[in-house]
């Protein structure tokens, strides 16, 4: 059944507005505070999220919103069958340091399933969009995952959780397992863009643990609609609210899962 066309139009409108706000303040003076030892929040994050909530409250007042800075319904407690999942700046640490790798990410769940997504990188003016069953697109052009057939041919990307100081050893050890098997591994600092890059064939695979729903909601749909595969990091079904995941072009997915299995068997993790 086709979606209400207002859903994707609204997702696009919000992430484009978010990009305008982000760029208006980028590399300028603004307040930065901490939610954790290395988990930053800027006044720009807050302004963007307030904008998003205002637009959604105006257009879809009965819908739920789950977003990074002001929260939302816990799993299983949503009042509406529609839940928008928003990250006002994915890559806040990059943004706060003046590094132009960041985006806004907005996904829509309907009855617990991701159906619509939009991610916008304002520095590169790249708008990624997807609708379930309708494909994934970059600036209107269809996306398709890569053809890499083995890890040795693959460019991978990953990220580290905000509590990495407490769990550095296992994070670095798993990173090492992938380095030993892949052509190369990158770490960009924005899970939403990592997933979009897998969808676009720029990266062949992505793994990360302890993510949040707003980090991955839109990007996960991009990967699926571009012909890729996404699972939990142990190979079970992907759950946006338990976001430890592997996303890939599908061809190297088994090797990525076996790499995790090998690490866990060797380390007892």
C-alpha atoms as a PDB file:
ATOM      1  CA  UNK A   1       0.000   0.000   0.000  1.00  0.00           C
ATOM      2  CA  UNK A   2       1.536   3.361  -0.967  1.00  0.00           C
ATOM      3  CA  UNK A   3       2.502   5.717   1.825  1.00  0.00           C
ATOM      4  CA  UNK A   4       0.968   9.117   2.314  1.00  0.00           C
ATOM      5  CA  UNK A   5       3.204  11.277   0.069  1.00  0.00           C
ATOM      6  CA  UNK A   6       3.351  13.863   2.851  1.00  0.00           C
ATOM      7  CA  UNK A   7       5.541  11.534   4.898  1.00  0.00           C
ATOM      8  CA  UNK A   8       8.582  11.569   2.602  1.00  0.00           C
ATOM      9  CA  UNK A   9       7.980  15.217   1.682  1.00  0.00           C
ATOM     10  CA  UNK A  10       8.002  16.131   5.378  1.00  0.00           C
ATOM     11  CA  UNK A  11      11.132  14.067   6.073  1.00  0.00           C
ATOM     12  CA  UNK A  12      12.932  15.827   3.229  1.00  0.00           C
ATOM     13  CA  UNK A  13      11.690  19.252   4.326  1.00  0.00           C
ATOM     14  CA  UNK A  14      12.903  18.727   7.888  1.00  0.00           C
ATOM     15  CA  UNK A  15      16.395  17.443   7.054  1.00  0.00           C
ATOM     16  CA  UNK A  16      16.903  20.238   4.520  1.00  0.00           C
ATOM     17  CA  UNK A  17      15.840  22.815   7.123  1.00  0.00           C
ATOM     18  CA  UNK A  18      18.179  21.100   9.583  1.00  0.00           C
ATOM     19  CA  UNK A  19      21.037  21.484   7.113  1.00  0.00           C
ATOM     20  CA  UNK A  20      20.354  25.199   6.772  1.00  0.00           C
ATOM     21  CA  UNK A  21      20.541  25.644  10.545  1.00  0.00           C
ATOM     22  CA  UNK A  22      23.674  23.513  10.792  1.00  0.00           C
ATOM     23  CA  UNK A  23      25.507  25.450   8.092  1.00  0.00           C
ATOM     24  CA  UNK A  24      24.422  28.825   9.474  1.00  0.00           C
ATOM     25  CA  UNK A  25      26.297  28.040  12.698  1.00  0.00           C
ATOM     26  CA  UNK A  26      29.084  25.738  11.453  1.00  0.00           C
ATOM     27  CA  UNK A  27      32.596  26.863  12.418  1.00  0.00           C
ATOM     28  CA  UNK A  28      31.108  29.787  14.372  1.00  0.00           C
ATOM     29  CA  UNK A  29      30.665  30.445  18.084  1.00  0.00           C
ATOM     30  CA  UNK A  30      27.948  28.454  19.867  1.00  0.00           C
ATOM     31  CA  UNK A  31      27.505  26.754  23.237  1.00  0.00           C
ATOM     32  CA  UNK A  32      28.737  23.175  23.674  1.00  0.00           C
ATOM     33  CA  UNK A  33      27.930  21.047  26.728  1.00  0.00           C
ATOM     34  CA  UNK A  34      28.449  17.403  27.662  1.00  0.00           C
ATOM     35  CA  UNK A  35      25.970  14.588  28.225  1.00  0.00           C
ATOM     36  CA  UNK A  36      28.843  12.245  29.076  1.00  0.00           C
ATOM     37  CA  UNK A  37      32.634  12.247  29.214  1.00  0.00           C
ATOM     38  CA  UNK A  38      32.935  12.491  25.403  1.00  0.00           C
ATOM     39  CA  UNK A  39      29.258  12.833  24.401  1.00  0.00           C
ATOM     40  CA  UNK A  40      28.737  16.424  23.258  1.00  0.00           C
ATOM     41  CA  UNK A  41      25.594  18.440  22.622  1.00  0.00           C
ATOM     42  CA  UNK A  42      25.569  21.872  21.019  1.00  0.00           C
ATOM     43  CA  UNK A  43      22.916  24.555  21.052  1.00  0.00           C
ATOM     44  CA  UNK A  44      22.579  23.809  17.346  1.00  0.00           C
ATOM     45  CA  UNK A  45      21.461  20.221  18.120  1.00  0.00           C
ATOM     46  CA  UNK A  46      18.775  21.659  20.360  1.00  0.00           C
ATOM     47  CA  UNK A  47      17.637  24.269  17.838  1.00  0.00           C
ATOM     48  CA  UNK A  48      17.390  21.695  15.047  1.00  0.00           C
ATOM     49  CA  UNK A  49      15.416  19.278  17.179  1.00  0.00           C
ATOM     50  CA  UNK A  50      12.995  21.999  18.270  1.00  0.00           C
ATOM     51  CA  UNK A  51      12.448  22.847  14.609  1.00  0.00           C
ATOM     52  CA  UNK A  52      11.728  19.210  13.780  1.00  0.00           C
ATOM     53  CA  UNK A  53       9.293  18.805  16.633  1.00  0.00           C
ATOM     54  CA  UNK A  54       7.511  21.998  15.647  1.00  0.00           C
ATOM     55  CA  UNK A  55       7.039  20.914  12.037  1.00  0.00           C
ATOM     56  CA  UNK A  56       5.801  17.452  13.010  1.00  0.00           C
ATOM     57  CA  UNK A  57       3.462  18.813  15.687  1.00  0.00           C
ATOM     58  CA  UNK A  58       1.927  21.098  13.081  1.00  0.00           C
ATOM     59  CA  UNK A  59       1.543  18.513  10.317  1.00  0.00           C
ATOM     60  CA  UNK A  60       0.998  15.279  12.242  1.00  0.00           C
ATOM     61  CA  UNK A  61      -0.040  16.201  15.805  1.00  0.00           C
ATOM     62  CA  UNK A  62      -1.028  12.638  16.728  1.00  0.00           C
ATOM     63  CA  UNK A  63       2.329  11.109  15.740  1.00  0.00           C
ATOM     64  CA  UNK A  64       5.003  10.145  18.253  1.00  0.00           C
ATOM     65  CA  UNK A  65       8.544  11.542  18.074  1.00  0.00           C
ATOM     66  CA  UNK A  66      11.702   9.852  19.362  1.00  0.00           C
ATOM     67  CA  UNK A  67      14.738  12.108  19.071  1.00  0.00           C
ATOM     68  CA  UNK A  68      18.187  12.374  20.582  1.00  0.00           C
ATOM     69  CA  UNK A  69      18.018  15.474  22.740  1.00  0.00           C
ATOM     70  CA  UNK A  70      14.481  15.516  24.162  1.00  0.00           C
ATOM     71  CA  UNK A  71      13.701  11.801  24.081  1.00  0.00           C
ATOM     72  CA  UNK A  72      10.378  10.190  23.276  1.00  0.00           C
ATOM     73  CA  UNK A  73       8.326   7.063  23.953  1.00  0.00           C
ATOM     74  CA  UNK A  74      10.158   4.030  25.305  1.00  0.00           C
ATOM     75  CA  UNK A  75       9.946   0.778  23.382  1.00  0.00           C
ATOM     76  CA  UNK A  76       6.450  -0.654  23.587  1.00  0.00           C
ATOM     77  CA  UNK A  77       4.881   2.522  25.003  1.00  0.00           C
ATOM     78  CA  UNK A  78       4.111   4.485  21.834  1.00  0.00           C
ATOM     79  CA  UNK A  79       0.640   5.993  21.689  1.00  0.00           C
ATOM     80  CA  UNK A  80       0.584   6.235  17.892  1.00  0.00           C
ATOM     81  CA  UNK A  81       1.248   3.727  15.116  1.00  0.00           C
ATOM     82  CA  UNK A  82       3.502   6.417  13.595  1.00  0.00           C
ATOM     83  CA  UNK A  83       6.824   7.253  15.234  1.00  0.00           C
ATOM     84  CA  UNK A  84       9.349   9.692  13.774  1.00  0.00           C
ATOM     85  CA  UNK A  85      12.957   8.983  14.797  1.00  0.00           C
ATOM     86  CA  UNK A  86      15.279  11.987  14.498  1.00  0.00           C
ATOM     87  CA  UNK A  87      18.933  12.852  14.993  1.00  0.00           C
ATOM     88  CA  UNK A  88      19.378  16.633  14.715  1.00  0.00           C
ATOM     89  CA  UNK A  89      23.134  16.337  14.131  1.00  0.00           C
ATOM     90  CA  UNK A  90      24.580  12.889  13.576  1.00  0.00           C
ATOM     91  CA  UNK A  91      28.274  13.552  13.989  1.00  0.00           C
ATOM     92  CA  UNK A  92      28.057  16.194  16.719  1.00  0.00           C
ATOM     93  CA  UNK A  93      31.679  15.667  17.787  1.00  0.00           C
ATOM     94  CA  UNK A  94      32.815  16.278  14.205  1.00  0.00           C
ATOM     95  CA  UNK A  95      30.547  19.324  13.996  1.00  0.00           C
ATOM     96  CA  UNK A  96      31.810  20.802  17.256  1.00  0.00           C
ATOM     97  CA  UNK A  97      35.421  20.434  16.055  1.00  0.00           C
ATOM     98  CA  UNK A  98      34.729  22.000  12.659  1.00  0.00           C
ATOM     99  CA  UNK A  99      35.083  18.704  10.791  1.00  0.00           C
ATOM    100  CA  UNK A 100      32.569  18.654   7.902  1.00  0.00           C
ATOM    101  CA  UNK A 101      31.278  15.099   8.300  1.00  0.00           C
ATOM    102  CA  UNK A 102      27.795  15.356   9.802  1.00  0.00           C
ATOM    103  CA  UNK A 103      24.143  15.195   8.784  1.00  0.00           C
ATOM    104  CA  UNK A 104      20.535  15.238   9.936  1.00  0.00           C
ATOM    105  CA  UNK A 105      18.699  11.908   9.917  1.00  0.00           C
ATOM    106  CA  UNK A 106      14.942  11.307  10.081  1.00  0.00           C
ATOM    107  CA  UNK A 107      13.113   8.006   9.811  1.00  0.00           C
ATOM    108  CA  UNK A 108       9.442   7.103  10.149  1.00  0.00           C
ATOM    109  CA  UNK A 109       8.217   3.884  11.705  1.00  0.00           C
ATOM    110  CA  UNK A 110       4.683   2.734  10.973  1.00  0.00           C
ATOM    111  CA  UNK A 111       3.437  -0.083  13.177  1.00  0.00           C
ATOM    112  CA  UNK A 112       7.007  -0.718  14.324  1.00  0.00           C
ATOM    113  CA  UNK A 113       8.540  -1.010  10.843  1.00  0.00           C
ATOM    114  CA  UNK A 114      10.786   1.552   9.179  1.00  0.00           C
ATOM    115  CA  UNK A 115       8.988   2.884   6.126  1.00  0.00           C
ATOM    116  CA  UNK A 116      10.459   6.295   5.203  1.00  0.00           C
ATOM    117  CA  UNK A 117      13.893   7.830   5.650  1.00  0.00           C
ATOM    118  CA  UNK A 118      15.826  10.967   4.766  1.00  0.00           C
ATOM    119  CA  UNK A 119      19.427  11.903   5.541  1.00  0.00           C
ATOM    120  CA  UNK A 120      20.986  15.198   4.500  1.00  0.00           C
ATOM    121  CA  UNK A 121      24.666  16.117   4.457  1.00  0.00           C
ATOM    122  CA  UNK A 122      24.610  19.900   4.003  1.00  0.00           C
ATOM    123  CA  UNK A 123      28.349  20.285   3.442  1.00  0.00           C
ATOM    124  CA  UNK A 124      28.232  18.055   0.352  1.00  0.00           C
ATOM    125  CA  UNK A 125      24.599  18.892  -0.459  1.00  0.00           C
ATOM    126  CA  UNK A 126      23.781  15.202  -0.560  1.00  0.00           C
ATOM    127  CA  UNK A 127      20.208  14.186   0.163  1.00  0.00           C
ATOM    128  CA  UNK A 128      19.637  10.461   0.698  1.00  0.00           C
ATOM    129  CA  UNK A 129      16.021   9.260   0.649  1.00  0.00           C
ATOM    130  CA  UNK A 130      14.220   5.927   0.840  1.00  0.00           C
ATOM    131  CA  UNK A 131      10.730   4.486   1.048  1.00  0.00           C
ATOM    132  CA  UNK A 132      10.091   0.829   1.775  1.00  0.00           C
ATOM    133  CA  UNK A 133       9.473  -0.899  -1.526  1.00  0.00           C
ATOM    134  CA  UNK A 134      10.327   2.234  -3.470  1.00  0.00           C
ATOM    135  CA  UNK A 135      14.127   2.181  -3.527  1.00  0.00           C
ATOM    136  CA  UNK A 136      16.839   4.464  -2.183  1.00  0.00           C
ATOM    137  CA  UNK A 137      18.122   7.602  -3.862  1.00  0.00           C
ATOM    138  CA  UNK A 138      20.882  10.200  -3.677  1.00  0.00           C
ATOM    139  CA  UNK A 139      19.757  13.584  -4.998  1.00  0.00           C
ATOM    140  CA  UNK A 140      17.097  11.753  -6.974  1.00  0.00           C
ATOM    141  CA  UNK A 141      19.428   9.160  -8.519  1.00  0.00           C
ATOM    142  CA  UNK A 142      18.913   5.468  -7.599  1.00  0.00           C
ATOM    143  CA  UNK A 143      21.364   3.908  -5.173  1.00  0.00           C
ATOM    144  CA  UNK A 144      22.801   0.410  -5.358  1.00  0.00           C
ATOM    145  CA  UNK A 145      25.190  -1.378  -3.034  1.00  0.00           C
ATOM    146  CA  UNK A 146      28.629  -2.448  -4.227  1.00  0.00           C
ATOM    147  CA  UNK A 147      29.715  -5.636  -5.958  1.00  0.00           C
ATOM    148  CA  UNK A 148      32.624  -6.450  -3.597  1.00  0.00           C
ATOM    149  CA  UNK A 149      32.564 -10.223  -3.081  1.00  0.00           C
ATOM    150  CA  UNK A 150      35.103 -10.745  -0.293  1.00  0.00           C
ATOM    151  CA  UNK A 151      36.355  -8.890   2.771  1.00  0.00           C
ATOM    152  CA  UNK A 152      39.778  -8.697   1.159  1.00  0.00           C
ATOM    153  CA  UNK A 153      38.192  -6.553  -1.570  1.00  0.00           C
ATOM    154  CA  UNK A 154      36.063  -4.549   0.861  1.00  0.00           C
ATOM    155  CA  UNK A 155      36.300  -1.042   2.271  1.00  0.00           C
ATOM    156  CA  UNK A 156      34.625  -1.151   5.683  1.00  0.00           C
ATOM    157  CA  UNK A 157      33.540   1.578   8.056  1.00  0.00           C
ATOM    158  CA  UNK A 158      32.815   1.523  11.791  1.00  0.00           C
ATOM    159  CA  UNK A 159      32.319   3.714  14.809  1.00  0.00           C
ATOM    160  CA  UNK A 160      33.067   3.630  18.519  1.00  0.00           C
ATOM    161  CA  UNK A 161      30.490   3.979  21.307  1.00  0.00           C
ATOM    162  CA  UNK A 162      30.474   6.954  23.657  1.00  0.00           C
ATOM    163  CA  UNK A 163      31.538   4.704  26.553  1.00  0.00           C
ATOM    164  CA  UNK A 164      34.600   3.526  24.618  1.00  0.00           C
ATOM    165  CA  UNK A 165      36.870   4.646  27.463  1.00  0.00           C
ATOM    166  CA  UNK A 166      35.232   1.966  29.626  1.00  0.00           C
ATOM    167  CA  UNK A 167      35.254  -0.728  26.927  1.00  0.00           C
ATOM    168  CA  UNK A 168      38.288   0.143  24.843  1.00  0.00           C
ATOM    169  CA  UNK A 169      39.881  -3.316  24.775  1.00  0.00           C
ATOM    170  CA  UNK A 170      37.035  -5.303  23.147  1.00  0.00           C
ATOM    171  CA  UNK A 171      36.222  -2.458  20.746  1.00  0.00           C
ATOM    172  CA  UNK A 172      39.830  -2.216  19.568  1.00  0.00           C
ATOM    173  CA  UNK A 173      40.254  -6.000  19.415  1.00  0.00           C
ATOM    174  CA  UNK A 174      37.217  -6.422  17.143  1.00  0.00           C
ATOM    175  CA  UNK A 175      38.479  -3.501  15.066  1.00  0.00           C
ATOM    176  CA  UNK A 176      41.737  -5.408  14.715  1.00  0.00           C
ATOM    177  CA  UNK A 177      39.950  -8.552  13.535  1.00  0.00           C
ATOM    178  CA  UNK A 178      38.384  -6.610  10.686  1.00  0.00           C
ATOM    179  CA  UNK A 179      41.609  -4.786   9.825  1.00  0.00           C
ATOM    180  CA  UNK A 180      43.302  -8.174   9.439  1.00  0.00           C
ATOM    181  CA  UNK A 181      40.686  -9.352   6.937  1.00  0.00           C
ATOM    182  CA  UNK A 182      39.496  -6.305   4.987  1.00  0.00           C
ATOM    183  CA  UNK A 183      41.145  -4.208   2.312  1.00  0.00           C
ATOM    184  CA  UNK A 184      40.775  -1.170   4.576  1.00  0.00           C
ATOM    185  CA  UNK A 185      38.694   0.189   7.467  1.00  0.00           C
ATOM    186  CA  UNK A 186      37.572   3.784   7.988  1.00  0.00           C
ATOM    187  CA  UNK A 187      36.004   5.591  10.947  1.00  0.00           C
ATOM    188  CA  UNK A 188      34.044   8.708   9.959  1.00  0.00           C
ATOM    189  CA  UNK A 189      32.055   9.617  13.081  1.00  0.00           C
ATOM    190  CA  UNK A 190      28.497   9.526  11.680  1.00  0.00           C
ATOM    191  CA  UNK A 191      26.622   6.218  11.684  1.00  0.00           C
ATOM    192  CA  UNK A 192      23.847   7.647   9.499  1.00  0.00           C
ATOM    193  CA  UNK A 193      26.336   8.597   6.784  1.00  0.00           C
ATOM    194  CA  UNK A 194      28.159   5.277   7.210  1.00  0.00           C
ATOM    195  CA  UNK A 195      24.926   3.474   6.367  1.00  0.00           C
ATOM    196  CA  UNK A 196      24.136   5.796   3.468  1.00  0.00           C
ATOM    197  CA  UNK A 197      27.619   5.197   2.092  1.00  0.00           C
ATOM    198  CA  UNK A 198      27.030   1.443   2.203  1.00  0.00           C
ATOM    199  CA  UNK A 199      23.781   2.020   0.321  1.00  0.00           C
ATOM    200  CA  UNK A 200      25.639   4.154  -2.236  1.00  0.00           C
ATOM    201  CA  UNK A 201      28.383   1.556  -2.763  1.00  0.00           C
ATOM    202  CA  UNK A 202      31.080   3.848  -1.363  1.00  0.00           C
ATOM    203  CA  UNK A 203      31.562   1.470   1.542  1.00  0.00           C
ATOM    204  CA  UNK A 204      31.051  -2.272   1.336  1.00  0.00           C
ATOM    205  CA  UNK A 205      30.196  -2.947   4.974  1.00  0.00           C
ATOM    206  CA  UNK A 206      29.625  -1.289   8.348  1.00  0.00           C
ATOM    207  CA  UNK A 207      29.545  -2.591  11.894  1.00  0.00           C
ATOM    208  CA  UNK A 208      29.010  -0.867  15.202  1.00  0.00           C
ATOM    209  CA  UNK A 209      27.693  -1.690  18.661  1.00  0.00           C
ATOM    210  CA  UNK A 210      25.593   0.219  21.191  1.00  0.00           C
ATOM    211  CA  UNK A 211      24.040   2.672  18.767  1.00  0.00           C
ATOM    212  CA  UNK A 212      20.750   4.492  19.352  1.00  0.00           C
ATOM    213  CA  UNK A 213      17.611   4.359  17.188  1.00  0.00           C
ATOM    214  CA  UNK A 214      18.133   7.894  15.858  1.00  0.00           C
ATOM    215  CA  UNK A 215      21.640   6.966  14.667  1.00  0.00           C
ATOM    216  CA  UNK A 216      20.424   4.243  12.335  1.00  0.00           C
ATOM    217  CA  UNK A 217      16.690   4.453  11.577  1.00  0.00           C
ATOM    218  CA  UNK A 218      16.877   6.257   8.234  1.00  0.00           C
ATOM    219  CA  UNK A 219      20.220   4.783   7.169  1.00  0.00           C
ATOM    220  CA  UNK A 220      19.131   1.205   7.789  1.00  0.00           C
ATOM    221  CA  UNK A 221      16.254   1.655   5.369  1.00  0.00           C
ATOM    222  CA  UNK A 222      18.668   3.128   2.794  1.00  0.00           C
ATOM    223  CA  UNK A 223      20.782  -0.038   2.924  1.00  0.00           C
ATOM    224  CA  UNK A 224      17.799  -2.351   2.586  1.00  0.00           C
ATOM    225  CA  UNK A 225      16.251  -0.388  -0.272  1.00  0.00           C
ATOM    226  CA  UNK A 226      19.603  -0.224  -2.111  1.00  0.00           C
ATOM    227  CA  UNK A 227      19.776  -4.028  -2.149  1.00  0.00           C
ATOM    228  CA  UNK A 228      21.980  -4.506   0.903  1.00  0.00           C
ATOM    229  CA  UNK A 229      21.609  -6.543   4.059  1.00  0.00           C
ATOM    230  CA  UNK A 230      21.378  -5.510   7.695  1.00  0.00           C
ATOM    231  CA  UNK A 231      21.270  -7.714  10.788  1.00  0.00           C
ATOM    232  CA  UNK A 232      22.121  -7.528  14.441  1.00  0.00           C
ATOM    233  CA  UNK A 233      25.827  -8.031  15.032  1.00  0.00           C
ATOM    234  CA  UNK A 234      25.164 -11.654  16.074  1.00  0.00           C
ATOM    235  CA  UNK A 235      23.234 -12.366  12.868  1.00  0.00           C
ATOM    236  CA  UNK A 236      19.757 -12.167  14.379  1.00  0.00           C
ATOM    237  CA  UNK A 237      17.059  -9.871  12.995  1.00  0.00           C
ATOM    238  CA  UNK A 238      17.880  -6.164  13.008  1.00  0.00           C
ATOM    239  CA  UNK A 239      16.032  -4.141  15.659  1.00  0.00           C
ATOM    240  CA  UNK A 240      16.358  -0.360  15.483  1.00  0.00           C
ATOM    241  CA  UNK A 241      15.984  -0.155  19.275  1.00  0.00           C
ATOM    242  CA  UNK A 242      18.760  -2.693  19.935  1.00  0.00           C
ATOM    243  CA  UNK A 243      21.125  -1.214  17.432  1.00  0.00           C
ATOM    244  CA  UNK A 244      24.289  -3.282  17.458  1.00  0.00           C
ATOM    245  CA  UNK A 245      24.491  -4.125  13.806  1.00  0.00           C
ATOM    246  CA  UNK A 246      26.220  -5.224  10.657  1.00  0.00           C
ATOM    247  CA  UNK A 247      25.178  -3.667   7.357  1.00  0.00           C
ATOM    248  CA  UNK A 248      26.691  -4.709   4.050  1.00  0.00           C
ATOM    249  CA  UNK A 249      26.241  -5.167   0.335  1.00  0.00           C
ATOM    250  CA  UNK A 250      25.012  -8.679   1.207  1.00  0.00           C
ATOM    251  CA  UNK A 251      27.882 -10.417  -0.570  1.00  0.00           C
ATOM    252  CA  UNK A 252      30.315 -10.018   2.321  1.00  0.00           C
ATOM    253  CA  UNK A 253      27.743 -10.269   5.111  1.00  0.00           C
ATOM    254  CA  UNK A 254      28.567 -13.851   6.016  1.00  0.00           C
ATOM    255  CA  UNK A 255      32.283 -13.068   6.275  1.00  0.00           C
ATOM    256  CA  UNK A 256      31.561 -10.092   8.499  1.00  0.00           C
ATOM    257  CA  UNK A 257      29.412 -12.217  10.807  1.00  0.00           C
ATOM    258  CA  UNK A 258      32.095 -14.915  10.938  1.00  0.00           C
ATOM    259  CA  UNK A 259      34.694 -12.298  11.834  1.00  0.00           C
ATOM    260  CA  UNK A 260      32.619 -11.282  14.852  1.00  0.00           C
ATOM    261  CA  UNK A 261      32.043 -14.936  15.765  1.00  0.00           C
ATOM    262  CA  UNK A 262      35.778 -15.654  15.523  1.00  0.00           C
ATOM    263  CA  UNK A 263      36.618 -12.715  17.764  1.00  0.00           C
ATOM    264  CA  UNK A 264      34.013 -13.681  20.359  1.00  0.00           C
ATOM    265  CA  UNK A 265      35.051 -17.325  20.399  1.00  0.00           C
ATOM    266  CA  UNK A 266      38.707 -16.388  20.800  1.00  0.00           C
ATOM    267  CA  UNK A 267      38.119 -13.748  23.446  1.00  0.00           C
ATOM    268  CA  UNK A 268      35.285 -15.380  25.330  1.00  0.00           C
ATOM    269  CA  UNK A 269      33.202 -12.233  24.794  1.00  0.00           C
END
